[in-house]
């Protein structure tokens, strides 16, 4: 467990570093040089022709530091979501396998629980840590110890609920990123409006270039942040849907493949 947490933390740190390097390199090499060139051309045309309407270029929209930060956070969150989706799909693959060798009409007695648990215990260590094997093993061990079917059902349900809470907790960093991105866009809005107000005296004298550029910073940062936030929330909800389905399907698997086959002899049943 500790090794898995360390590996996940290293993966998240590495993903953040790679996202920073890749995005910053793209901004330095492509986005900002093209944005500055287009901005200069538009400023010249606007001074020559007061009726000139600047085109909304993607380079100009994306050029500021707030937009760069939003893209970095988006890629970082997407890498975490991708890792979680891959883990969830690996766990879902176990649902297609027969882990409990019992056919219709057969019963599992308390003294047979150990034998039925052996195929699950023989799984590789990584797969044995998944939700479905843990739920099956916990249920069989509880059945062997208590000889009570209701206790088995409660154990399986508690195992699935605990796993659902754990997966939900591990998405805290992604939720924080989803909250931080619009906030960063709002910071860009405040910065742009503040700069525009500081250049109001130039607009009074007829030079509105500085004011329009500053207002562009304000609106562009908000625009990009909202678009990125919408995309990230969509991916996050898709991941949560996939994880919720895994928990429900694992519980149904335990009910159909194991729980309904459990039987306690009359002399061992509790009144």
C-alpha atoms as a PDB file:
ATOM      1  CA  UNK A   1       0.000   0.000   0.000  1.00  0.00           C
ATOM      2  CA  UNK A   2       2.776   2.427   0.939  1.00  0.00           C
ATOM      3  CA  UNK A   3       4.665   1.576  -2.254  1.00  0.00           C
ATOM      4  CA  UNK A   4       1.530   2.249  -4.296  1.00  0.00           C
ATOM      5  CA  UNK A   5       1.008   5.628  -2.635  1.00  0.00           C
ATOM      6  CA  UNK A   6       4.650   6.557  -3.237  1.00  0.00           C
ATOM      7  CA  UNK A   7       4.444   5.526  -6.892  1.00  0.00           C
ATOM      8  CA  UNK A   8       1.267   7.561  -7.350  1.00  0.00           C
ATOM      9  CA  UNK A   9       2.824  10.623  -5.698  1.00  0.00           C
ATOM     10  CA  UNK A  10       5.912  10.338  -7.920  1.00  0.00           C
ATOM     11  CA  UNK A  11       3.695   9.959 -10.979  1.00  0.00           C
ATOM     12  CA  UNK A  12       1.731  13.108 -10.115  1.00  0.00           C
ATOM     13  CA  UNK A  13       4.927  15.088  -9.465  1.00  0.00           C
ATOM     14  CA  UNK A  14       6.484  13.882 -12.712  1.00  0.00           C
ATOM     15  CA  UNK A  15       3.304  14.680 -14.658  1.00  0.00           C
ATOM     16  CA  UNK A  16       3.306  18.227 -13.254  1.00  0.00           C
ATOM     17  CA  UNK A  17       6.959  18.786 -14.176  1.00  0.00           C
ATOM     18  CA  UNK A  18       6.435  17.469 -17.715  1.00  0.00           C
ATOM     19  CA  UNK A  19       3.323  19.632 -18.170  1.00  0.00           C
ATOM     20  CA  UNK A  20       5.217  22.750 -17.050  1.00  0.00           C
ATOM     21  CA  UNK A  21       8.136  22.046 -19.395  1.00  0.00           C
ATOM     22  CA  UNK A  22       6.016  21.216 -22.444  1.00  0.00           C
ATOM     23  CA  UNK A  23       3.536  24.089 -22.077  1.00  0.00           C
ATOM     24  CA  UNK A  24       6.167  26.702 -21.248  1.00  0.00           C
ATOM     25  CA  UNK A  25       8.288  25.594 -24.215  1.00  0.00           C
ATOM     26  CA  UNK A  26       5.270  25.915 -26.509  1.00  0.00           C
ATOM     27  CA  UNK A  27       4.547  29.401 -25.178  1.00  0.00           C
ATOM     28  CA  UNK A  28       8.140  30.588 -25.515  1.00  0.00           C
ATOM     29  CA  UNK A  29       8.698  29.103 -28.968  1.00  0.00           C
ATOM     30  CA  UNK A  30       5.321  29.536 -30.660  1.00  0.00           C
ATOM     31  CA  UNK A  31       2.477  31.274 -28.871  1.00  0.00           C
ATOM     32  CA  UNK A  32       4.029  34.450 -27.445  1.00  0.00           C
ATOM     33  CA  UNK A  33       6.213  35.338 -30.488  1.00  0.00           C
ATOM     34  CA  UNK A  34       3.226  35.005 -32.826  1.00  0.00           C
ATOM     35  CA  UNK A  35       0.985  36.893 -30.410  1.00  0.00           C
ATOM     36  CA  UNK A  36       3.435  39.802 -30.122  1.00  0.00           C
ATOM     37  CA  UNK A  37       3.803  39.975 -33.910  1.00  0.00           C
ATOM     38  CA  UNK A  38       0.035  40.005 -34.461  1.00  0.00           C
ATOM     39  CA  UNK A  39      -0.463  42.539 -31.667  1.00  0.00           C
ATOM     40  CA  UNK A  40       2.053  44.939 -33.197  1.00  0.00           C
ATOM     41  CA  UNK A  41       0.453  44.634 -36.606  1.00  0.00           C
ATOM     42  CA  UNK A  42      -2.999  45.275 -35.191  1.00  0.00           C
ATOM     43  CA  UNK A  43      -1.794  48.273 -33.186  1.00  0.00           C
ATOM     44  CA  UNK A  44      -0.295  49.852 -36.295  1.00  0.00           C
ATOM     45  CA  UNK A  45      -3.458  49.259 -38.314  1.00  0.00           C
ATOM     46  CA  UNK A  46      -5.610  50.599 -35.479  1.00  0.00           C
ATOM     47  CA  UNK A  47      -3.580  53.831 -35.353  1.00  0.00           C
ATOM     48  CA  UNK A  48      -3.847  54.272 -39.113  1.00  0.00           C
ATOM     49  CA  UNK A  49      -7.522  53.353 -39.376  1.00  0.00           C
ATOM     50  CA  UNK A  50      -9.735  54.206 -36.370  1.00  0.00           C
ATOM     51  CA  UNK A  51     -12.466  51.938 -37.778  1.00  0.00           C
ATOM     52  CA  UNK A  52     -10.158  48.920 -37.888  1.00  0.00           C
ATOM     53  CA  UNK A  53     -11.568  45.877 -36.027  1.00  0.00           C
ATOM     54  CA  UNK A  54      -8.823  43.538 -34.727  1.00  0.00           C
ATOM     55  CA  UNK A  55      -9.222  39.840 -35.416  1.00  0.00           C
ATOM     56  CA  UNK A  56      -9.498  37.471 -32.471  1.00  0.00           C
ATOM     57  CA  UNK A  57      -6.407  35.331 -32.918  1.00  0.00           C
ATOM     58  CA  UNK A  58      -5.894  32.202 -30.853  1.00  0.00           C
ATOM     59  CA  UNK A  59      -2.309  33.281 -30.172  1.00  0.00           C
ATOM     60  CA  UNK A  60      -3.453  36.561 -28.640  1.00  0.00           C
ATOM     61  CA  UNK A  61      -6.163  34.874 -26.596  1.00  0.00           C
ATOM     62  CA  UNK A  62      -3.696  32.340 -25.141  1.00  0.00           C
ATOM     63  CA  UNK A  63      -0.593  34.515 -24.694  1.00  0.00           C
ATOM     64  CA  UNK A  64      -0.825  35.605 -21.046  1.00  0.00           C
ATOM     65  CA  UNK A  65       0.550  33.877 -17.957  1.00  0.00           C
ATOM     66  CA  UNK A  66      -2.885  33.091 -16.534  1.00  0.00           C
ATOM     67  CA  UNK A  67      -3.823  31.111 -19.639  1.00  0.00           C
ATOM     68  CA  UNK A  68      -0.495  29.287 -19.535  1.00  0.00           C
ATOM     69  CA  UNK A  69      -1.115  28.315 -15.915  1.00  0.00           C
ATOM     70  CA  UNK A  70      -4.615  27.075 -16.752  1.00  0.00           C
ATOM     71  CA  UNK A  71      -3.294  24.861 -19.546  1.00  0.00           C
ATOM     72  CA  UNK A  72      -0.589  23.443 -17.262  1.00  0.00           C
ATOM     73  CA  UNK A  73      -3.149  22.613 -14.591  1.00  0.00           C
ATOM     74  CA  UNK A  74      -5.463  21.089 -17.193  1.00  0.00           C
ATOM     75  CA  UNK A  75      -2.756  18.753 -18.496  1.00  0.00           C
ATOM     76  CA  UNK A  76      -1.772  17.839 -14.948  1.00  0.00           C
ATOM     77  CA  UNK A  77      -5.359  17.009 -14.006  1.00  0.00           C
ATOM     78  CA  UNK A  78      -5.854  15.060 -17.248  1.00  0.00           C
ATOM     79  CA  UNK A  79      -2.784  12.940 -16.493  1.00  0.00           C
ATOM     80  CA  UNK A  80      -4.187  12.095 -13.043  1.00  0.00           C
ATOM     81  CA  UNK A  81      -7.620  11.331 -14.488  1.00  0.00           C
ATOM     82  CA  UNK A  82      -6.024   9.160 -17.165  1.00  0.00           C
ATOM     83  CA  UNK A  83      -4.124   7.184 -14.530  1.00  0.00           C
ATOM     84  CA  UNK A  84      -7.294   6.673 -12.472  1.00  0.00           C
ATOM     85  CA  UNK A  85      -9.255   5.592 -15.535  1.00  0.00           C
ATOM     86  CA  UNK A  86      -6.572   3.074 -16.449  1.00  0.00           C
ATOM     87  CA  UNK A  87      -6.636   1.630 -12.937  1.00  0.00           C
ATOM     88  CA  UNK A  88     -10.425   1.431 -12.997  1.00  0.00           C
ATOM     89  CA  UNK A  89     -10.454  -0.356 -16.353  1.00  0.00           C
ATOM     90  CA  UNK A  90      -7.945  -2.913 -15.035  1.00  0.00           C
ATOM     91  CA  UNK A  91     -10.233  -3.582 -12.097  1.00  0.00           C
ATOM     92  CA  UNK A  92     -13.255  -3.876 -14.380  1.00  0.00           C
ATOM     93  CA  UNK A  93     -11.424  -6.557 -16.373  1.00  0.00           C
ATOM     94  CA  UNK A  94     -11.697  -8.864 -13.354  1.00  0.00           C
ATOM     95  CA  UNK A  95     -15.488  -8.715 -13.571  1.00  0.00           C
ATOM     96  CA  UNK A  96     -15.317 -10.802 -16.751  1.00  0.00           C
ATOM     97  CA  UNK A  97     -13.345 -13.571 -15.024  1.00  0.00           C
ATOM     98  CA  UNK A  98     -14.651 -16.449 -12.921  1.00  0.00           C
ATOM     99  CA  UNK A  99     -12.954 -16.043  -9.581  1.00  0.00           C
ATOM    100  CA  UNK A 100     -15.320 -18.290  -7.599  1.00  0.00           C
ATOM    101  CA  UNK A 101     -15.612 -21.752  -9.155  1.00  0.00           C
ATOM    102  CA  UNK A 102     -19.250 -22.480  -8.394  1.00  0.00           C
ATOM    103  CA  UNK A 103     -21.998 -23.352 -10.854  1.00  0.00           C
ATOM    104  CA  UNK A 104     -25.775 -23.019 -10.636  1.00  0.00           C
ATOM    105  CA  UNK A 105     -27.311 -25.368  -8.131  1.00  0.00           C
ATOM    106  CA  UNK A 106     -24.154 -25.691  -6.051  1.00  0.00           C
ATOM    107  CA  UNK A 107     -23.878 -24.442  -2.490  1.00  0.00           C
ATOM    108  CA  UNK A 108     -20.959 -23.028  -0.539  1.00  0.00           C
ATOM    109  CA  UNK A 109     -20.807 -24.297   3.017  1.00  0.00           C
ATOM    110  CA  UNK A 110     -18.816 -22.545   5.772  1.00  0.00           C
ATOM    111  CA  UNK A 111     -16.246 -25.352   5.865  1.00  0.00           C
ATOM    112  CA  UNK A 112     -15.739 -25.017   2.091  1.00  0.00           C
ATOM    113  CA  UNK A 113     -15.045 -21.270   2.175  1.00  0.00           C
ATOM    114  CA  UNK A 114     -11.290 -21.763   2.456  1.00  0.00           C
ATOM    115  CA  UNK A 115     -11.183 -23.906  -0.696  1.00  0.00           C
ATOM    116  CA  UNK A 116     -13.211 -21.385  -2.705  1.00  0.00           C
ATOM    117  CA  UNK A 117     -10.943 -18.582  -1.519  1.00  0.00           C
ATOM    118  CA  UNK A 118      -7.754 -20.232  -2.816  1.00  0.00           C
ATOM    119  CA  UNK A 119      -8.196 -19.217  -6.515  1.00  0.00           C
ATOM    120  CA  UNK A 120      -8.656 -15.611  -5.406  1.00  0.00           C
ATOM    121  CA  UNK A 121      -5.639 -15.795  -3.109  1.00  0.00           C
ATOM    122  CA  UNK A 122      -3.591 -17.201  -6.014  1.00  0.00           C
ATOM    123  CA  UNK A 123      -4.027 -14.004  -8.017  1.00  0.00           C
ATOM    124  CA  UNK A 124      -0.968 -11.758  -8.464  1.00  0.00           C
ATOM    125  CA  UNK A 125      -0.392  -9.374  -5.576  1.00  0.00           C
ATOM    126  CA  UNK A 126      -1.419  -6.334  -7.627  1.00  0.00           C
ATOM    127  CA  UNK A 127      -4.729  -7.891  -8.716  1.00  0.00           C
ATOM    128  CA  UNK A 128      -5.433  -9.221  -5.231  1.00  0.00           C
ATOM    129  CA  UNK A 129      -5.426  -5.614  -3.993  1.00  0.00           C
ATOM    130  CA  UNK A 130      -8.294  -4.705  -6.338  1.00  0.00           C
ATOM    131  CA  UNK A 131     -11.824  -4.202  -5.049  1.00  0.00           C
ATOM    132  CA  UNK A 132     -13.436  -7.412  -6.338  1.00  0.00           C
ATOM    133  CA  UNK A 133     -10.876  -9.895  -4.911  1.00  0.00           C
ATOM    134  CA  UNK A 134     -10.857  -8.065  -1.570  1.00  0.00           C
ATOM    135  CA  UNK A 135     -14.653  -8.131  -1.366  1.00  0.00           C
ATOM    136  CA  UNK A 136     -14.765 -11.843  -2.203  1.00  0.00           C
ATOM    137  CA  UNK A 137     -12.039 -12.756   0.283  1.00  0.00           C
ATOM    138  CA  UNK A 138     -13.551 -10.653   3.046  1.00  0.00           C
ATOM    139  CA  UNK A 139     -16.925 -12.275   2.446  1.00  0.00           C
ATOM    140  CA  UNK A 140     -15.575 -15.834   2.416  1.00  0.00           C
ATOM    141  CA  UNK A 141     -13.469 -15.267   5.521  1.00  0.00           C
ATOM    142  CA  UNK A 142     -16.423 -13.763   7.355  1.00  0.00           C
ATOM    143  CA  UNK A 143     -18.634 -16.682   6.281  1.00  0.00           C
ATOM    144  CA  UNK A 144     -16.084 -19.174   7.585  1.00  0.00           C
ATOM    145  CA  UNK A 145     -15.756 -17.329  10.886  1.00  0.00           C
ATOM    146  CA  UNK A 146     -19.366 -16.431  11.680  1.00  0.00           C
ATOM    147  CA  UNK A 147     -21.367 -18.949   9.571  1.00  0.00           C
ATOM    148  CA  UNK A 148     -23.855 -16.118   9.030  1.00  0.00           C
ATOM    149  CA  UNK A 149     -24.949 -15.065   5.547  1.00  0.00           C
ATOM    150  CA  UNK A 150     -26.191 -11.659   6.686  1.00  0.00           C
ATOM    151  CA  UNK A 151     -22.748 -10.888   8.089  1.00  0.00           C
ATOM    152  CA  UNK A 152     -21.243 -11.761   4.707  1.00  0.00           C
ATOM    153  CA  UNK A 153     -23.608  -9.402   2.903  1.00  0.00           C
ATOM    154  CA  UNK A 154     -22.777  -6.615   5.355  1.00  0.00           C
ATOM    155  CA  UNK A 155     -19.038  -7.230   4.949  1.00  0.00           C
ATOM    156  CA  UNK A 156     -19.262  -7.045   1.158  1.00  0.00           C
ATOM    157  CA  UNK A 157     -21.313  -3.862   1.292  1.00  0.00           C
ATOM    158  CA  UNK A 158     -18.932  -2.235   3.774  1.00  0.00           C
ATOM    159  CA  UNK A 159     -15.925  -3.180   1.618  1.00  0.00           C
ATOM    160  CA  UNK A 160     -17.504  -1.627  -1.463  1.00  0.00           C
ATOM    161  CA  UNK A 161     -18.544   1.522   0.397  1.00  0.00           C
ATOM    162  CA  UNK A 162     -15.052   1.926   1.860  1.00  0.00           C
ATOM    163  CA  UNK A 163     -13.519   1.569  -1.600  1.00  0.00           C
ATOM    164  CA  UNK A 164     -15.943   4.138  -3.003  1.00  0.00           C
ATOM    165  CA  UNK A 165     -14.958   6.582  -0.252  1.00  0.00           C
ATOM    166  CA  UNK A 166     -11.259   5.947  -0.917  1.00  0.00           C
ATOM    167  CA  UNK A 167     -11.577   6.584  -4.660  1.00  0.00           C
ATOM    168  CA  UNK A 168     -13.579   9.736  -3.970  1.00  0.00           C
ATOM    169  CA  UNK A 169     -10.917  10.988  -1.550  1.00  0.00           C
ATOM    170  CA  UNK A 170      -8.122  10.402  -4.063  1.00  0.00           C
ATOM    171  CA  UNK A 171      -9.833  12.834  -6.456  1.00  0.00           C
ATOM    172  CA  UNK A 172      -9.390  15.721  -4.020  1.00  0.00           C
ATOM    173  CA  UNK A 173      -6.404  17.135  -5.921  1.00  0.00           C
ATOM    174  CA  UNK A 174      -8.365  17.073  -9.197  1.00  0.00           C
ATOM    175  CA  UNK A 175     -11.277  18.888  -7.576  1.00  0.00           C
ATOM    176  CA  UNK A 176      -8.863  21.473  -6.222  1.00  0.00           C
ATOM    177  CA  UNK A 177      -7.459  22.015  -9.723  1.00  0.00           C
ATOM    178  CA  UNK A 178     -10.994  22.350 -11.103  1.00  0.00           C
ATOM    179  CA  UNK A 179     -11.638  25.048  -8.488  1.00  0.00           C
ATOM    180  CA  UNK A 180      -8.276  26.781  -9.002  1.00  0.00           C
ATOM    181  CA  UNK A 181      -8.561  27.213 -12.781  1.00  0.00           C
ATOM    182  CA  UNK A 182     -11.532  29.676 -12.732  1.00  0.00           C
ATOM    183  CA  UNK A 183      -9.848  31.481  -9.836  1.00  0.00           C
ATOM    184  CA  UNK A 184      -6.705  31.950 -11.899  1.00  0.00           C
ATOM    185  CA  UNK A 185      -8.844  33.289 -14.740  1.00  0.00           C
ATOM    186  CA  UNK A 186     -10.408  35.763 -12.326  1.00  0.00           C
ATOM    187  CA  UNK A 187      -6.928  36.864 -11.242  1.00  0.00           C
ATOM    188  CA  UNK A 188      -6.174  37.640 -14.884  1.00  0.00           C
ATOM    189  CA  UNK A 189      -9.415  39.585 -15.104  1.00  0.00           C
ATOM    190  CA  UNK A 190      -8.538  41.700 -12.086  1.00  0.00           C
ATOM    191  CA  UNK A 191      -5.002  42.276 -13.371  1.00  0.00           C
ATOM    192  CA  UNK A 192      -6.228  43.347 -16.809  1.00  0.00           C
ATOM    193  CA  UNK A 193      -8.888  45.696 -15.480  1.00  0.00           C
ATOM    194  CA  UNK A 194      -6.437  47.213 -12.994  1.00  0.00           C
ATOM    195  CA  UNK A 195      -3.914  47.853 -15.743  1.00  0.00           C
ATOM    196  CA  UNK A 196      -6.606  49.360 -17.971  1.00  0.00           C
ATOM    197  CA  UNK A 197      -7.675  51.748 -15.220  1.00  0.00           C
ATOM    198  CA  UNK A 198      -4.066  52.778 -14.744  1.00  0.00           C
ATOM    199  CA  UNK A 199      -3.921  53.737 -18.440  1.00  0.00           C
ATOM    200  CA  UNK A 200      -7.183  55.671 -18.448  1.00  0.00           C
ATOM    201  CA  UNK A 201      -5.333  58.978 -18.859  1.00  0.00           C
ATOM    202  CA  UNK A 202      -3.991  57.750 -22.211  1.00  0.00           C
ATOM    203  CA  UNK A 203      -7.504  56.978 -23.403  1.00  0.00           C
ATOM    204  CA  UNK A 204      -8.613  60.496 -22.460  1.00  0.00           C
ATOM    205  CA  UNK A 205      -5.876  61.889 -24.715  1.00  0.00           C
ATOM    206  CA  UNK A 206      -7.025  59.678 -27.587  1.00  0.00           C
ATOM    207  CA  UNK A 207      -4.617  56.710 -27.294  1.00  0.00           C
ATOM    208  CA  UNK A 208      -6.789  53.705 -26.490  1.00  0.00           C
ATOM    209  CA  UNK A 209      -4.321  50.988 -27.549  1.00  0.00           C
ATOM    210  CA  UNK A 210      -3.038  50.330 -24.032  1.00  0.00           C
ATOM    211  CA  UNK A 211      -6.544  50.206 -22.577  1.00  0.00           C
ATOM    212  CA  UNK A 212      -7.822  47.782 -25.205  1.00  0.00           C
ATOM    213  CA  UNK A 213      -4.803  45.487 -24.740  1.00  0.00           C
ATOM    214  CA  UNK A 214      -5.312  45.434 -20.971  1.00  0.00           C
ATOM    215  CA  UNK A 215      -9.030  44.746 -21.302  1.00  0.00           C
ATOM    216  CA  UNK A 216      -8.159  41.970 -23.728  1.00  0.00           C
ATOM    217  CA  UNK A 217      -6.035  40.381 -21.005  1.00  0.00           C
ATOM    218  CA  UNK A 218      -8.988  40.549 -18.618  1.00  0.00           C
ATOM    219  CA  UNK A 219     -11.544  38.976 -20.928  1.00  0.00           C
ATOM    220  CA  UNK A 220      -9.220  36.432 -22.547  1.00  0.00           C
ATOM    221  CA  UNK A 221      -8.060  34.999 -19.229  1.00  0.00           C
ATOM    222  CA  UNK A 222     -11.638  34.534 -18.057  1.00  0.00           C
ATOM    223  CA  UNK A 223     -12.667  33.004 -21.372  1.00  0.00           C
ATOM    224  CA  UNK A 224      -9.862  30.452 -21.423  1.00  0.00           C
ATOM    225  CA  UNK A 225     -10.297  29.570 -17.744  1.00  0.00           C
ATOM    226  CA  UNK A 226     -14.011  28.887 -18.168  1.00  0.00           C
ATOM    227  CA  UNK A 227     -13.501  26.741 -21.272  1.00  0.00           C
ATOM    228  CA  UNK A 228     -10.746  24.740 -19.587  1.00  0.00           C
ATOM    229  CA  UNK A 229     -12.864  24.333 -16.444  1.00  0.00           C
ATOM    230  CA  UNK A 230     -15.813  22.987 -18.440  1.00  0.00           C
ATOM    231  CA  UNK A 231     -13.593  20.424 -20.158  1.00  0.00           C
ATOM    232  CA  UNK A 232     -11.973  19.341 -16.896  1.00  0.00           C
ATOM    233  CA  UNK A 233     -15.287  18.963 -15.058  1.00  0.00           C
ATOM    234  CA  UNK A 234     -16.607  16.799 -17.900  1.00  0.00           C
ATOM    235  CA  UNK A 235     -13.601  14.463 -17.644  1.00  0.00           C
ATOM    236  CA  UNK A 236     -13.860  14.382 -13.850  1.00  0.00           C
ATOM    237  CA  UNK A 237     -17.531  13.414 -13.929  1.00  0.00           C
ATOM    238  CA  UNK A 238     -16.821  10.691 -16.493  1.00  0.00           C
ATOM    239  CA  UNK A 239     -14.177   9.245 -14.168  1.00  0.00           C
ATOM    240  CA  UNK A 240     -16.537   9.368 -11.193  1.00  0.00           C
ATOM    241  CA  UNK A 241     -19.225   7.631 -13.241  1.00  0.00           C
ATOM    242  CA  UNK A 242     -16.776   4.891 -14.214  1.00  0.00           C
ATOM    243  CA  UNK A 243     -15.695   4.386 -10.598  1.00  0.00           C
ATOM    244  CA  UNK A 244     -19.271   4.311  -9.305  1.00  0.00           C
ATOM    245  CA  UNK A 245     -20.158   1.676 -11.877  1.00  0.00           C
ATOM    246  CA  UNK A 246     -17.149  -0.388 -10.818  1.00  0.00           C
ATOM    247  CA  UNK A 247     -18.294  -0.401  -7.174  1.00  0.00           C
ATOM    248  CA  UNK A 248     -21.885  -1.322  -8.083  1.00  0.00           C
ATOM    249  CA  UNK A 249     -20.826  -4.029 -10.548  1.00  0.00           C
ATOM    250  CA  UNK A 250     -18.384  -5.514  -8.026  1.00  0.00           C
ATOM    251  CA  UNK A 251     -21.127  -5.710  -5.422  1.00  0.00           C
ATOM    252  CA  UNK A 252     -23.490  -7.319  -7.937  1.00  0.00           C
ATOM    253  CA  UNK A 253     -20.740  -9.781  -8.894  1.00  0.00           C
ATOM    254  CA  UNK A 254     -20.367 -10.845  -5.261  1.00  0.00           C
ATOM    255  CA  UNK A 255     -24.135 -11.214  -4.900  1.00  0.00           C
ATOM    256  CA  UNK A 256     -24.572 -13.267  -8.074  1.00  0.00           C
ATOM    257  CA  UNK A 257     -21.405 -15.385  -8.016  1.00  0.00           C
ATOM    258  CA  UNK A 258     -21.007 -16.002  -4.287  1.00  0.00           C
ATOM    259  CA  UNK A 259     -23.637 -14.672  -1.896  1.00  0.00           C
ATOM    260  CA  UNK A 260     -26.627 -16.484  -3.377  1.00  0.00           C
ATOM    261  CA  UNK A 261     -24.712 -19.787  -3.252  1.00  0.00           C
ATOM    262  CA  UNK A 262     -23.957 -19.570   0.462  1.00  0.00           C
ATOM    263  CA  UNK A 263     -25.767 -22.056   2.622  1.00  0.00           C
ATOM    264  CA  UNK A 264     -25.600 -22.846   6.319  1.00  0.00           C
ATOM    265  CA  UNK A 265     -26.602 -26.367   7.439  1.00  0.00           C
ATOM    266  CA  UNK A 266     -29.685 -26.444   9.628  1.00  0.00           C
ATOM    267  CA  UNK A 267     -27.771 -27.614  12.677  1.00  0.00           C
ATOM    268  CA  UNK A 268     -25.343 -24.621  12.270  1.00  0.00           C
ATOM    269  CA  UNK A 269     -27.917 -21.950  11.480  1.00  0.00           C
ATOM    270  CA  UNK A 270     -28.628 -19.343  14.059  1.00  0.00           C
ATOM    271  CA  UNK A 271     -32.124 -18.945  15.385  1.00  0.00           C
END
